[in-house]
Protein backbone atom coordinates (compact mmCIF):
# COMPACT_ATOMS: atom_id res chain seq x y z
CA MET A 1 0.00 0.00 0.00
CA ILE A 2 1.05 3.56 -0.63
CA ASN A 3 0.35 5.93 2.26
CA CYS A 4 -0.65 9.28 0.85
CA THR A 5 -1.68 12.67 2.20
CA PHE A 6 -3.68 14.82 -0.20
CA GLU A 7 -3.63 18.61 -0.53
CA ASN A 8 -6.76 18.89 1.61
CA GLY A 9 -5.10 16.93 4.44
CA HIS A 10 -7.04 13.71 3.92
CA LYS A 11 -4.99 10.54 4.19
CA ALA A 12 -5.45 7.40 2.13
CA ASN A 13 -3.90 4.02 1.48
CA LEU A 14 -3.55 3.59 -2.26
CA ARG A 15 -2.81 0.50 -4.32
CA HIS A 16 0.29 -0.14 -6.45
CA VAL A 17 0.18 -0.79 -10.19
CA VAL A 18 2.08 -3.86 -11.36
CA VAL A 19 2.54 -5.60 -14.69
CA ASP A 20 2.98 -9.27 -15.58
CA ALA A 21 3.97 -10.78 -18.92
CA ILE A 22 2.72 -13.94 -20.58
CA ALA A 23 5.40 -14.85 -23.12
CA ILE A 24 4.96 -17.93 -25.31
CA ASN A 25 7.72 -18.97 -27.71
CA ASN A 26 7.42 -20.74 -31.08
CA LYS A 27 7.75 -24.12 -29.28
CA ASN A 28 4.57 -23.32 -27.33
CA GLN A 29 6.54 -22.86 -24.11
CA LEU A 30 5.84 -20.31 -21.38
CA LEU A 31 8.52 -18.07 -19.91
CA LEU A 32 8.77 -18.36 -16.11
CA VAL A 33 11.03 -16.74 -13.54
CA LYS A 34 11.97 -18.16 -10.16
CA ARG A 35 11.91 -15.55 -7.43
CA ALA A 36 15.14 -15.23 -5.43
CA LYS A 37 15.00 -16.69 -1.92
CA HIS A 38 15.30 -13.30 -0.17
CA VAL A 39 12.25 -11.64 -1.82
CA PHE A 40 8.57 -11.97 -0.97
CA ARG A 41 7.37 -15.41 -2.12
CA GLY A 42 11.02 -16.36 -2.71
CA GLY A 43 11.79 -19.68 -4.35
CA LYS A 44 8.45 -19.68 -6.17
CA TRP A 45 7.85 -19.57 -9.93
CA GLY A 46 5.95 -16.76 -11.56
CA LEU A 47 5.48 -14.61 -14.61
CA PRO A 48 8.04 -11.90 -15.30
CA GLY A 49 6.76 -8.61 -13.96
CA GLY A 50 6.82 -6.03 -11.25
CA TYR A 51 5.96 -2.52 -10.20
CA MET A 52 5.28 0.27 -12.65
CA ASP A 53 7.73 3.16 -12.33
CA ARG A 54 6.85 6.82 -12.28
CA ASP A 55 6.76 8.44 -15.72
CA GLU A 56 6.32 5.22 -17.72
CA THR A 57 3.36 3.74 -19.52
CA ILE A 58 2.05 0.28 -18.71
CA LYS A 59 3.54 -1.03 -21.98
CA ASP A 60 6.90 0.55 -21.07
CA ALA A 61 6.72 -1.12 -17.65
CA VAL A 62 6.12 -4.60 -19.07
CA ILE A 63 8.98 -4.17 -21.58
CA ARG A 64 11.32 -2.97 -18.81
CA GLU A 65 10.35 -5.69 -16.33
CA VAL A 66 10.84 -8.51 -18.85
CA LYS A 67 14.25 -7.10 -19.78
CA GLU A 68 15.28 -6.57 -16.14
CA GLU A 69 14.26 -10.04 -15.01
CA THR A 70 15.04 -12.21 -18.04
CA ASN A 71 17.41 -10.35 -20.40
CA LEU A 72 14.79 -10.75 -23.15
CA LYS A 73 13.47 -8.01 -25.38
CA ALA A 74 9.69 -7.94 -25.09
CA LYS A 75 7.11 -6.54 -27.45
CA PRO A 76 3.59 -6.18 -26.03
CA ILE A 77 1.04 -7.86 -28.28
CA LYS A 78 -2.15 -7.18 -26.35
CA LEU A 79 -3.53 -6.52 -22.92
CA PHE A 80 -4.79 -9.87 -21.65
CA LYS A 81 -6.35 -8.98 -18.34
CA VAL A 82 -6.63 -6.36 -15.61
CA ILE A 83 -6.79 -7.87 -12.14
CA ASP A 84 -8.18 -5.40 -9.62
CA ASN A 85 -9.51 -7.81 -6.99
CA PRO A 86 -8.14 -6.56 -3.64
CA ASN A 87 -8.27 -10.12 -2.28
CA ARG A 88 -5.99 -11.86 -4.78
CA ARG A 89 -4.56 -15.21 -3.68
CA ASN A 90 -1.22 -14.96 -1.85
CA GLU A 91 -1.14 -11.18 -2.27
CA VAL A 92 -1.16 -8.85 0.71
CA ARG A 93 -0.34 -5.60 -1.08
CA GLN A 94 -3.59 -5.36 -3.06
CA ASN A 95 -1.76 -4.58 -6.30
CA VAL A 96 -3.71 -3.75 -9.44
CA CYS A 97 -2.16 -5.92 -12.14
CA PHE A 98 -2.08 -5.41 -15.90
CA VAL A 99 -1.24 -8.70 -17.62
CA TYR A 100 0.12 -8.44 -21.16
CA ILE A 101 0.71 -11.10 -23.76
CA VAL A 102 4.16 -10.37 -25.19
CA SER A 103 6.57 -11.73 -27.73
CA ALA A 104 10.08 -12.10 -26.36
CA THR A 105 13.41 -12.52 -28.13
CA GLY A 106 16.95 -13.13 -26.96
CA THR A 107 18.67 -15.54 -24.61
CA PRO A 108 16.92 -15.85 -21.24
CA LYS A 109 19.02 -15.44 -18.12
CA PRO A 110 18.32 -13.91 -14.71
CA GLN A 111 19.29 -10.25 -14.78
CA GLU A 112 18.61 -8.88 -11.33
CA SER A 113 18.93 -9.87 -7.71
CA GLU A 114 15.20 -10.62 -7.41
CA VAL A 115 15.30 -13.54 -9.88
CA SER A 116 17.36 -16.71 -9.42
CA GLU A 117 16.32 -18.64 -12.55
CA VAL A 118 14.60 -18.10 -15.90
CA LYS A 119 13.33 -20.85 -18.17
CA TRP A 120 10.93 -21.75 -20.93
CA VAL A 121 8.48 -24.41 -19.71
CA ASP A 122 6.23 -26.70 -21.76
CA LEU A 123 2.62 -25.74 -21.13
CA ASP A 124 1.81 -29.34 -20.17
CA LYS A 125 4.74 -29.49 -17.70
CA LEU A 126 4.11 -26.47 -15.51
CA PRO A 127 5.37 -26.50 -11.90
CA LYS A 128 2.95 -27.65 -9.19
CA LYS A 129 0.40 -25.19 -7.80
CA GLU A 130 2.29 -24.82 -4.50
CA ASP A 131 5.45 -23.88 -6.43
CA PHE A 132 3.85 -20.74 -7.90
CA ALA A 133 3.98 -17.26 -6.42
CA PHE A 134 0.86 -15.16 -6.03
CA ASP A 135 -2.00 -16.08 -8.39
CA HIS A 136 0.23 -16.57 -11.42
CA LEU A 137 -0.88 -20.17 -12.05
CA GLU A 138 -4.50 -18.98 -12.18
CA ILE A 139 -3.51 -16.27 -14.68
CA ILE A 140 -1.78 -18.90 -16.83
CA LYS A 141 -4.80 -21.21 -16.64
CA ASN A 142 -7.11 -18.34 -17.66
CA TYR A 143 -4.84 -17.66 -20.63
CA LEU A 144 -4.92 -21.32 -21.66
CA ILE A 145 -8.71 -21.44 -21.38
CA GLU A 146 -9.10 -18.31 -23.49
CA LYS A 147 -6.62 -19.64 -26.03
CA GLY A 148 -8.53 -22.93 -26.18
CA THR A 149 -5.61 -25.09 -25.07
């Protein structure tokens, strides 16, 4: 939550904006990142993503986050979903999430201290539910349903 005091003196707790990327390669594999042990939900798999920075668009944020976490160059294809439920599974910060489907090129490798591993995973060989951070498995399942897989 962001604690904020407005010009009129009123205080509020505001929600963060985050982005997540669904990247599927030409082998029909999904790009996953493993969160470093020292971060929230460490050791769990998830979609590349993170907080939106000041002065960037949502598309800019998803491109930056994919590059920062995976070393891949991302191109947003379309907005898949906006998740604004304040009671998301395994999420205490009440983030508002913009999930983009992206194309990604380059050689994947962890690029920052928050990610310990990056890999392409066959869609029929995803990690177990308990190995996923946040509600990322549900996002992936929604994508697969919409895609008709």
